[in-house]
Amino acid sequence: MKFAQVLYNKAYWIFEAEGKPDFAPDIVLVDITGRDDIQEGWDYNKETGEFTAPVIVEPTPTEPQIDEIQAKILVNTETLISMKEMEV
């Protein structure tokens, strides 16, 4: 037999055993015998009893931004260079 331990609605540990082990009563084990597609990390819906592959959302790329301190340093540097060029 093949089992998935479910923790926080995810397949946390997948293992094989001859029978369902007697673990603590709060440990959820789901029989997944014959379901070789299920992997650790898959989402588990306790209402339907189905496992699904997690949906991984790609982060939206953002433009690099200069923070406020870097901007002030840049302005100060440009001011000093301008003053030097004007010989003030």
PDB file of N, CA and C in Angstrom:
ATOM      1  N   MET A   1       0.842  -1.176   0.000  1.00  0.00           N
ATOM      2  CA  MET A   1       0.000   0.000   0.000  1.00  0.00           C
ATOM      3  C   MET A   1       0.886   1.238   0.000  1.00  0.00           C
ATOM      4  N   LYS A   2       0.331   2.321  -0.496  1.00  0.00           N
ATOM      5  CA  LYS A   2       1.055   3.581  -0.570  1.00  0.00           C
ATOM      6  C   LYS A   2       0.229   4.654   0.113  1.00  0.00           C
ATOM      7  N   PHE A   3       0.890   5.467   0.937  1.00  0.00           N
ATOM      8  CA  PHE A   3       0.191   6.485   1.720  1.00  0.00           C
ATOM      9  C   PHE A   3       0.850   7.849   1.541  1.00  0.00           C
ATOM     10  N   ALA A   4       0.027   8.879   1.737  1.00  0.00           N
ATOM     11  CA  ALA A   4       0.519  10.256   1.787  1.00  0.00           C
ATOM     12  C   ALA A   4       0.124  10.813   3.142  1.00  0.00           C
ATOM     13  N   GLN A   5       1.103  11.326   3.861  1.00  0.00           N
ATOM     14  CA  GLN A   5       0.781  12.059   5.079  1.00  0.00           C
ATOM     15  C   GLN A   5       0.416  13.466   4.654  1.00  0.00           C
ATOM     16  N   VAL A   6      -0.721  13.944   5.117  1.00  0.00           N
ATOM     17  CA  VAL A   6      -1.198  15.283   4.760  1.00  0.00           C
ATOM     18  C   VAL A   6      -0.952  16.211   5.935  1.00  0.00           C
ATOM     19  N   LEU A   7      -0.287  17.310   5.660  1.00  0.00           N
ATOM     20  CA  LEU A   7      -0.002  18.322   6.673  1.00  0.00           C
ATOM     21  C   LEU A   7      -0.236  19.687   6.041  1.00  0.00           C
ATOM     22  N   TYR A   8      -1.075  20.493   6.671  1.00  0.00           N
ATOM     23  CA  TYR A   8      -1.426  21.822   6.148  1.00  0.00           C
ATOM     24  C   TYR A   8      -1.946  21.746   4.709  1.00  0.00           C
ATOM     25  N   ASN A   9      -2.791  20.748   4.456  1.00  0.00           N
ATOM     26  CA  ASN A   9      -3.438  20.552   3.150  1.00  0.00           C
ATOM     27  C   ASN A   9      -2.448  20.316   2.015  1.00  0.00           C
ATOM     28  N   LYS A  10      -1.314  19.697   2.353  1.00  0.00           N
ATOM     29  CA  LYS A  10      -0.310  19.331   1.348  1.00  0.00           C
ATOM     30  C   LYS A  10       0.154  17.906   1.605  1.00  0.00           C
ATOM     31  N   ALA A  11       0.535  17.210   0.540  1.00  0.00           N
ATOM     32  CA  ALA A  11       1.154  15.894   0.693  1.00  0.00           C
ATOM     33  C   ALA A  11       2.552  16.137   1.251  1.00  0.00           C
ATOM     34  N   TYR A  12       2.720  15.816   2.513  1.00  0.00           N
ATOM     35  CA  TYR A  12       3.974  16.124   3.201  1.00  0.00           C
ATOM     36  C   TYR A  12       4.980  14.990   3.054  1.00  0.00           C
ATOM     37  N   TRP A  13       4.504  13.726   3.174  1.00  0.00           N
ATOM     38  CA  TRP A  13       5.396  12.576   3.140  1.00  0.00           C
ATOM     39  C   TRP A  13       4.681  11.442   2.425  1.00  0.00           C
ATOM     40  N   ILE A  14       5.302  10.866   1.436  1.00  0.00           N
ATOM     41  CA  ILE A  14       4.735   9.732   0.711  1.00  0.00           C
ATOM     42  C   ILE A  14       5.591   8.515   1.011  1.00  0.00           C
ATOM     43  N   PHE A  15       4.929   7.426   1.396  1.00  0.00           N
ATOM     44  CA  PHE A  15       5.672   6.222   1.766  1.00  0.00           C
ATOM     45  C   PHE A  15       4.834   4.978   1.476  1.00  0.00           C
ATOM     46  N   GLU A  16       5.516   3.850   1.459  1.00  0.00           N
ATOM     47  CA  GLU A  16       4.842   2.566   1.260  1.00  0.00           C
ATOM     48  C   GLU A  16       4.922   1.768   2.548  1.00  0.00           C
ATOM     49  N   ALA A  17       3.852   1.010   2.812  1.00  0.00           N
ATOM     50  CA  ALA A  17       3.796   0.155   3.992  1.00  0.00           C
ATOM     51  C   ALA A  17       2.858  -1.008   3.687  1.00  0.00           C
ATOM     52  N   GLU A  18       2.993  -2.084   4.452  1.00  0.00           N
ATOM     53  CA  GLU A  18       2.132  -3.247   4.225  1.00  0.00           C
ATOM     54  C   GLU A  18       0.699  -2.989   4.673  1.00  0.00           C
ATOM     55  N   GLY A  19       0.522  -2.097   5.614  1.00  0.00           N
ATOM     56  CA  GLY A  19      -0.797  -1.721   6.099  1.00  0.00           C
ATOM     57  C   GLY A  19      -0.730  -0.298   6.611  1.00  0.00           C
ATOM     58  N   LYS A  20      -1.886   0.248   6.945  1.00  0.00           N
ATOM     59  CA  LYS A  20      -1.910   1.620   7.451  1.00  0.00           C
ATOM     60  C   LYS A  20      -1.303   1.640   8.852  1.00  0.00           C
ATOM     61  N   PRO A  21      -0.220   2.412   9.035  1.00  0.00           N
ATOM     62  CA  PRO A  21       0.430   2.466  10.344  1.00  0.00           C
ATOM     63  C   PRO A  21      -0.456   3.139  11.390  1.00  0.00           C
ATOM     64  N   ASP A  22      -0.237   2.754  12.645  1.00  0.00           N
ATOM     65  CA  ASP A  22      -0.932   3.390  13.763  1.00  0.00           C
ATOM     66  C   ASP A  22      -0.078   4.531  14.283  1.00  0.00           C
ATOM     67  N   PHE A  23      -0.297   5.698  13.729  1.00  0.00           N
ATOM     68  CA  PHE A  23       0.384   6.893  14.208  1.00  0.00           C
ATOM     69  C   PHE A  23      -0.550   7.618  15.166  1.00  0.00           C
ATOM     70  N   ALA A  24      -0.098   8.747  15.668  1.00  0.00           N
ATOM     71  CA  ALA A  24      -0.933   9.564  16.542  1.00  0.00           C
ATOM     72  C   ALA A  24      -2.226   9.923  15.803  1.00  0.00           C
ATOM     73  N   PRO A  25      -3.336  10.074  16.540  1.00  0.00           N
ATOM     74  CA  PRO A  25      -4.625  10.314  15.873  1.00  0.00           C
ATOM     75  C   PRO A  25      -4.709  11.616  15.076  1.00  0.00           C
ATOM     76  N   ASP A  26      -3.838  12.584  15.354  1.00  0.00           N
ATOM     77  CA  ASP A  26      -3.898  13.842  14.607  1.00  0.00           C
ATOM     78  C   ASP A  26      -3.082  13.804  13.322  1.00  0.00           C
ATOM     79  N   ILE A  27      -2.408  12.687  13.056  1.00  0.00           N
ATOM     80  CA  ILE A  27      -1.651  12.551  11.805  1.00  0.00           C
ATOM     81  C   ILE A  27      -2.592  11.992  10.743  1.00  0.00           C
ATOM     82  N   VAL A  28      -2.744  12.748   9.659  1.00  0.00           N
ATOM     83  CA  VAL A  28      -3.673  12.374   8.586  1.00  0.00           C
ATOM     84  C   VAL A  28      -2.917  11.572   7.532  1.00  0.00           C
ATOM     85  N   LEU A  29      -3.381  10.348   7.295  1.00  0.00           N
ATOM     86  CA  LEU A  29      -2.814   9.504   6.249  1.00  0.00           C
ATOM     87  C   LEU A  29      -3.894   9.208   5.222  1.00  0.00           C
ATOM     88  N   VAL A  30      -3.551   9.346   3.946  1.00  0.00           N
ATOM     89  CA  VAL A  30      -4.485   9.082   2.862  1.00  0.00           C
ATOM     90  C   VAL A  30      -3.905   7.962   2.015  1.00  0.00           C
ATOM     91  N   ASP A  31      -4.702   6.959   1.753  1.00  0.00           N
ATOM     92  CA  ASP A  31      -4.269   5.839   0.913  1.00  0.00           C
ATOM     93  C   ASP A  31      -4.220   6.303  -0.538  1.00  0.00           C
ATOM     94  N   ILE A  32      -3.048   6.239  -1.140  1.00  0.00           N
ATOM     95  CA  ILE A  32      -2.887   6.660  -2.535  1.00  0.00           C
ATOM     96  C   ILE A  32      -2.355   5.515  -3.384  1.00  0.00           C
ATOM     97  N   THR A  33      -2.651   4.286  -2.978  1.00  0.00           N
ATOM     98  CA  THR A  33      -2.211   3.114  -3.725  1.00  0.00           C
ATOM     99  C   THR A  33      -2.674   3.216  -5.172  1.00  0.00           C
ATOM    100  N   GLY A  34      -1.761   2.996  -6.103  1.00  0.00           N
ATOM    101  CA  GLY A  34      -2.078   3.071  -7.526  1.00  0.00           C
ATOM    102  C   GLY A  34      -2.004   4.469  -8.103  1.00  0.00           C
ATOM    103  N   ARG A  35      -1.706   5.450  -7.295  1.00  0.00           N
ATOM    104  CA  ARG A  35      -1.605   6.846  -7.758  1.00  0.00           C
ATOM    105  C   ARG A  35      -0.137   7.270  -7.756  1.00  0.00           C
ATOM    106  N   ASP A  36       0.608   6.832  -8.734  1.00  0.00           N
ATOM    107  CA  ASP A  36       2.044   7.129  -8.803  1.00  0.00           C
ATOM    108  C   ASP A  36       2.334   8.562  -9.211  1.00  0.00           C
ATOM    109  N   ASP A  37       1.311   9.295  -9.648  1.00  0.00           N
ATOM    110  CA  ASP A  37       1.521  10.671 -10.088  1.00  0.00           C
ATOM    111  C   ASP A  37       1.618  11.649  -8.918  1.00  0.00           C
ATOM    112  N   ILE A  38       1.060  11.315  -7.768  1.00  0.00           N
ATOM    113  CA  ILE A  38       1.040  12.235  -6.625  1.00  0.00           C
ATOM    114  C   ILE A  38       2.449  12.385  -6.065  1.00  0.00           C
ATOM    115  N   GLN A  39       2.828  13.618  -5.786  1.00  0.00           N
ATOM    116  CA  GLN A  39       4.165  13.903  -5.267  1.00  0.00           C
ATOM    117  C   GLN A  39       4.073  14.717  -3.991  1.00  0.00           C
ATOM    118  N   GLU A  40       5.139  14.648  -3.203  1.00  0.00           N
ATOM    119  CA  GLU A  40       5.212  15.481  -2.002  1.00  0.00           C
ATOM    120  C   GLU A  40       5.127  16.945  -2.414  1.00  0.00           C
ATOM    121  N   GLY A  41       4.368  17.725  -1.648  1.00  0.00           N
ATOM    122  CA  GLY A  41       4.181  19.139  -1.958  1.00  0.00           C
ATOM    123  C   GLY A  41       2.897  19.428  -2.714  1.00  0.00           C
ATOM    124  N   TRP A  42       2.215  18.370  -3.194  1.00  0.00           N
ATOM    125  CA  TRP A  42       0.959  18.585  -3.910  1.00  0.00           C
ATOM    126  C   TRP A  42      -0.122  19.035  -2.938  1.00  0.00           C
ATOM    127  N   ASP A  43      -1.064  19.821  -3.438  1.00  0.00           N
ATOM    128  CA  ASP A  43      -2.193  20.299  -2.633  1.00  0.00           C
ATOM    129  C   ASP A  43      -3.198  19.162  -2.429  1.00  0.00           C
ATOM    130  N   TYR A  44      -3.824  19.149  -1.249  1.00  0.00           N
ATOM    131  CA  TYR A  44      -4.840  18.153  -0.934  1.00  0.00           C
ATOM    132  C   TYR A  44      -6.137  18.846  -0.558  1.00  0.00           C
ATOM    133  N   ASN A  45      -7.222  18.452  -1.202  1.00  0.00           N
ATOM    134  CA  ASN A  45      -8.550  18.984  -0.901  1.00  0.00           C
ATOM    135  C   ASN A  45      -9.268  17.939  -0.058  1.00  0.00           C
ATOM    136  N   LYS A  46      -9.420  18.206   1.241  1.00  0.00           N
ATOM    137  CA  LYS A  46     -10.018  17.205   2.123  1.00  0.00           C
ATOM    138  C   LYS A  46     -11.505  16.994   1.836  1.00  0.00           C
ATOM    139  N   GLU A  47     -12.162  17.958   1.202  1.00  0.00           N
ATOM    140  CA  GLU A  47     -13.580  17.796   0.878  1.00  0.00           C
ATOM    141  C   GLU A  47     -13.794  16.815  -0.271  1.00  0.00           C
ATOM    142  N   THR A  48     -12.910  16.871  -1.270  1.00  0.00           N
ATOM    143  CA  THR A  48     -13.045  15.973  -2.421  1.00  0.00           C
ATOM    144  C   THR A  48     -12.114  14.772  -2.329  1.00  0.00           C
ATOM    145  N   GLY A  49     -11.093  14.857  -1.476  1.00  0.00           N
ATOM    146  CA  GLY A  49     -10.131  13.769  -1.353  1.00  0.00           C
ATOM    147  C   GLY A  49      -9.140  13.710  -2.504  1.00  0.00           C
ATOM    148  N   GLU A  50      -9.036  14.792  -3.255  1.00  0.00           N
ATOM    149  CA  GLU A  50      -8.158  14.825  -4.433  1.00  0.00           C
ATOM    150  C   GLU A  50      -6.871  15.589  -4.166  1.00  0.00           C
ATOM    151  N   PHE A  51      -5.811  15.111  -4.808  1.00  0.00           N
ATOM    152  CA  PHE A  51      -4.522  15.790  -4.796  1.00  0.00           C
ATOM    153  C   PHE A  51      -4.340  16.477  -6.140  1.00  0.00           C
ATOM    154  N   THR A  52      -3.788  17.673  -6.137  1.00  0.00           N
ATOM    155  CA  THR A  52      -3.495  18.383  -7.383  1.00  0.00           C
ATOM    156  C   THR A  52      -2.107  19.004  -7.289  1.00  0.00           C
ATOM    157  N   ALA A  53      -1.466  19.092  -8.431  1.00  0.00           N
ATOM    158  CA  ALA A  53      -0.148  19.725  -8.475  1.00  0.00           C
ATOM    159  C   ALA A  53      -0.288  21.193  -8.093  1.00  0.00           C
ATOM    160  N   PRO A  54       0.651  21.714  -7.306  1.00  0.00           N
ATOM    161  CA  PRO A  54       0.540  23.121  -6.911  1.00  0.00           C
ATOM    162  C   PRO A  54       0.736  24.041  -8.112  1.00  0.00           C
ATOM    163  N   VAL A  55       0.041  25.163  -8.081  1.00  0.00           N
ATOM    164  CA  VAL A  55       0.176  26.177  -9.126  1.00  0.00           C
ATOM    165  C   VAL A  55       1.241  27.152  -8.647  1.00  0.00           C
ATOM    166  N   ILE A  56       2.314  27.245  -9.398  1.00  0.00           N
ATOM    167  CA  ILE A  56       3.408  28.141  -9.035  1.00  0.00           C
ATOM    168  C   ILE A  56       3.282  29.404  -9.885  1.00  0.00           C
ATOM    169  N   VAL A  57       3.040  30.509  -9.209  1.00  0.00           N
ATOM    170  CA  VAL A  57       2.868  31.787  -9.890  1.00  0.00           C
ATOM    171  C   VAL A  57       4.230  32.453 -10.024  1.00  0.00           C
ATOM    172  N   GLU A  58       4.571  32.776 -11.242  1.00  0.00           N
ATOM    173  CA  GLU A  58       5.836  33.461 -11.488  1.00  0.00           C
ATOM    174  C   GLU A  58       5.721  34.910 -11.021  1.00  0.00           C
ATOM    175  N   PRO A  59       6.727  35.409 -10.309  1.00  0.00           N
ATOM    176  CA  PRO A  59       6.653  36.798  -9.858  1.00  0.00           C
ATOM    177  C   PRO A  59       6.706  37.758 -11.044  1.00  0.00           C
ATOM    178  N   THR A  60       6.004  38.868 -10.914  1.00  0.00           N
ATOM    179  CA  THR A  60       6.008  39.887 -11.947  1.00  0.00           C
ATOM    180  C   THR A  60       7.317  40.664 -11.860  1.00  0.00           C
ATOM    181  N   PRO A  61       8.063  40.709 -12.959  1.00  0.00           N
ATOM    182  CA  PRO A  61       9.316  41.461 -12.906  1.00  0.00           C
ATOM    183  C   PRO A  61       9.046  42.943 -12.665  1.00  0.00           C
ATOM    184  N   THR A  62       9.880  43.546 -11.879  1.00  0.00           N
ATOM    185  CA  THR A  62       9.744  44.975 -11.600  1.00  0.00           C
ATOM    186  C   THR A  62      11.006  45.695 -12.045  1.00  0.00           C
ATOM    187  N   GLU A  63      10.836  46.950 -12.338  1.00  0.00           N
ATOM    188  CA  GLU A  63      11.980  47.770 -12.715  1.00  0.00           C
ATOM    189  C   GLU A  63      12.801  48.071 -11.468  1.00  0.00           C
ATOM    190  N   PRO A  64      14.105  47.976 -11.571  1.00  0.00           N
ATOM    191  CA  PRO A  64      14.917  48.335 -10.414  1.00  0.00           C
ATOM    192  C   PRO A  64      14.706  49.814 -10.081  1.00  0.00           C
ATOM    193  N   GLN A  65      14.598  50.124  -8.810  1.00  0.00           N
ATOM    194  CA  GLN A  65      14.355  51.500  -8.393  1.00  0.00           C
ATOM    195  C   GLN A  65      15.478  51.943  -7.468  1.00  0.00           C
ATOM    196  N   ILE A  66      15.863  53.199  -7.621  1.00  0.00           N
ATOM    197  CA  ILE A  66      16.870  53.778  -6.737  1.00  0.00           C
ATOM    198  C   ILE A  66      16.153  54.260  -5.497  1.00  0.00           C
ATOM    199  N   ASP A  67      16.613  53.819  -4.342  1.00  0.00           N
ATOM    200  CA  ASP A  67      15.917  54.266  -3.135  1.00  0.00           C
ATOM    201  C   ASP A  67      16.254  55.722  -2.827  1.00  0.00           C
ATOM    202  N   GLU A  68      15.568  56.272  -1.874  1.00  0.00           N
ATOM    203  CA  GLU A  68      15.645  57.705  -1.585  1.00  0.00           C
ATOM    204  C   GLU A  68      17.059  58.153  -1.213  1.00  0.00           C
ATOM    205  N   ILE A  69      17.767  57.372  -0.442  1.00  0.00           N
ATOM    206  CA  ILE A  69      19.127  57.761  -0.025  1.00  0.00           C
ATOM    207  C   ILE A  69      20.059  57.790  -1.219  1.00  0.00           C
ATOM    208  N   GLN A  70      19.955  56.772  -2.091  1.00  0.00           N
ATOM    209  CA  GLN A  70      20.810  56.751  -3.278  1.00  0.00           C
ATOM    210  C   GLN A  70      20.507  57.950  -4.173  1.00  0.00           C
ATOM    211  N   ALA A  71      19.243  58.322  -4.293  1.00  0.00           N
ATOM    212  CA  ALA A  71      18.872  59.472  -5.116  1.00  0.00           C
ATOM    213  C   ALA A  71      19.468  60.759  -4.551  1.00  0.00           C
ATOM    214  N   LYS A  72      19.428  60.919  -3.218  1.00  0.00           N
ATOM    215  CA  LYS A  72      19.997  62.119  -2.593  1.00  0.00           C
ATOM    216  C   LYS A  72      21.509  62.180  -2.795  1.00  0.00           C
ATOM    217  N   ILE A  73      22.176  61.049  -2.692  1.00  0.00           N
ATOM    218  CA  ILE A  73      23.621  61.003  -2.907  1.00  0.00           C
ATOM    219  C   ILE A  73      23.942  61.412  -4.345  1.00  0.00           C
ATOM    220  N   LEU A  74      23.165  60.906  -5.293  1.00  0.00           N
ATOM    221  CA  LEU A  74      23.378  61.250  -6.697  1.00  0.00           C
ATOM    222  C   LEU A  74      23.200  62.743  -6.936  1.00  0.00           C
ATOM    223  N   VAL A  75      22.157  63.334  -6.364  1.00  0.00           N
ATOM    224  CA  VAL A  75      21.910  64.776  -6.529  1.00  0.00           C
ATOM    225  C   VAL A  75      23.049  65.574  -5.902  1.00  0.00           C
ATOM    226  N   ASN A  76      23.480  65.199  -4.700  1.00  0.00           N
ATOM    227  CA  ASN A  76      24.580  65.901  -4.036  1.00  0.00           C
ATOM    228  C   ASN A  76      25.868  65.809  -4.839  1.00  0.00           C
ATOM    229  N   THR A  77      26.151  64.646  -5.393  1.00  0.00           N
ATOM    230  CA  THR A  77      27.362  64.463  -6.190  1.00  0.00           C
ATOM    231  C   THR A  77      27.321  65.335  -7.438  1.00  0.00           C
ATOM    232  N   GLU A  78      26.178  65.346  -8.104  1.00  0.00           N
ATOM    233  CA  GLU A  78      26.049  66.171  -9.307  1.00  0.00           C
ATOM    234  C   GLU A  78      26.181  67.656  -8.970  1.00  0.00           C
ATOM    235  N   THR A  79      25.656  68.068  -7.834  1.00  0.00           N
ATOM    236  CA  THR A  79      25.763  69.471  -7.396  1.00  0.00           C
ATOM    237  C   THR A  79      27.221  69.828  -7.148  1.00  0.00           C
ATOM    238  N   LEU A  80      27.935  68.948  -6.451  1.00  0.00           N
ATOM    239  CA  LEU A  80      29.355  69.214  -6.173  1.00  0.00           C
ATOM    240  C   LEU A  80      30.179  69.268  -7.454  1.00  0.00           C
ATOM    241  N   ILE A  81      29.887  68.383  -8.396  1.00  0.00           N
ATOM    242  CA  ILE A  81      30.616  68.385  -9.672  1.00  0.00           C
ATOM    243  C   ILE A  81      30.324  69.674 -10.432  1.00  0.00           C
ATOM    244  N   SER A  82      29.076  70.104 -10.440  1.00  0.00           N
ATOM    245  CA  SER A  82      28.701  71.362 -11.133  1.00  0.00           C
ATOM    246  C   SER A  82      29.404  72.544 -10.491  1.00  0.00           C
ATOM    247  N   MET A  83      29.436  72.587  -9.156  1.00  0.00           N
ATOM    248  CA  MET A  83      30.089  73.685  -8.447  1.00  0.00           C
ATOM    249  C   MET A  83      31.595  73.696  -8.765  1.00  0.00           C
ATOM    250  N   LYS A  84      32.200  72.554  -8.850  1.00  0.00           N
ATOM    251  CA  LYS A  84      33.642  72.454  -9.164  1.00  0.00           C
ATOM    252  C   LYS A  84      33.880  72.952 -10.578  1.00  0.00           C
ATOM    253  N   GLU A  85      33.029  72.558 -11.514  1.00  0.00           N
ATOM    254  CA  GLU A  85      33.180  72.974 -12.903  1.00  0.00           C
ATOM    255  C   GLU A  85      32.996  74.490 -13.051  1.00  0.00           C
ATOM    256  N   MET A  86      32.125  75.082 -12.243  1.00  0.00           N
ATOM    257  CA  MET A  86      31.901  76.541 -12.298  1.00  0.00           C
ATOM    258  C   MET A  86      32.901  77.266 -11.417  1.00  0.00           C
ATOM    259  N   GLU A  87      33.715  76.526 -10.694  1.00  0.00           N
ATOM    260  CA  GLU A  87      34.717  77.057  -9.768  1.00  0.00           C
ATOM    261  C   GLU A  87      34.081  77.990  -8.756  1.00  0.00           C
ATOM    262  N   VAL A  88      33.026  77.519  -8.126  1.00  0.00           N
ATOM    263  CA  VAL A  88      32.344  78.304  -7.109  1.00  0.00           C
ATOM    264  C   VAL A  88      32.991  78.038  -5.766  1.00  0.00           C
TER     265      VAL A  88
END
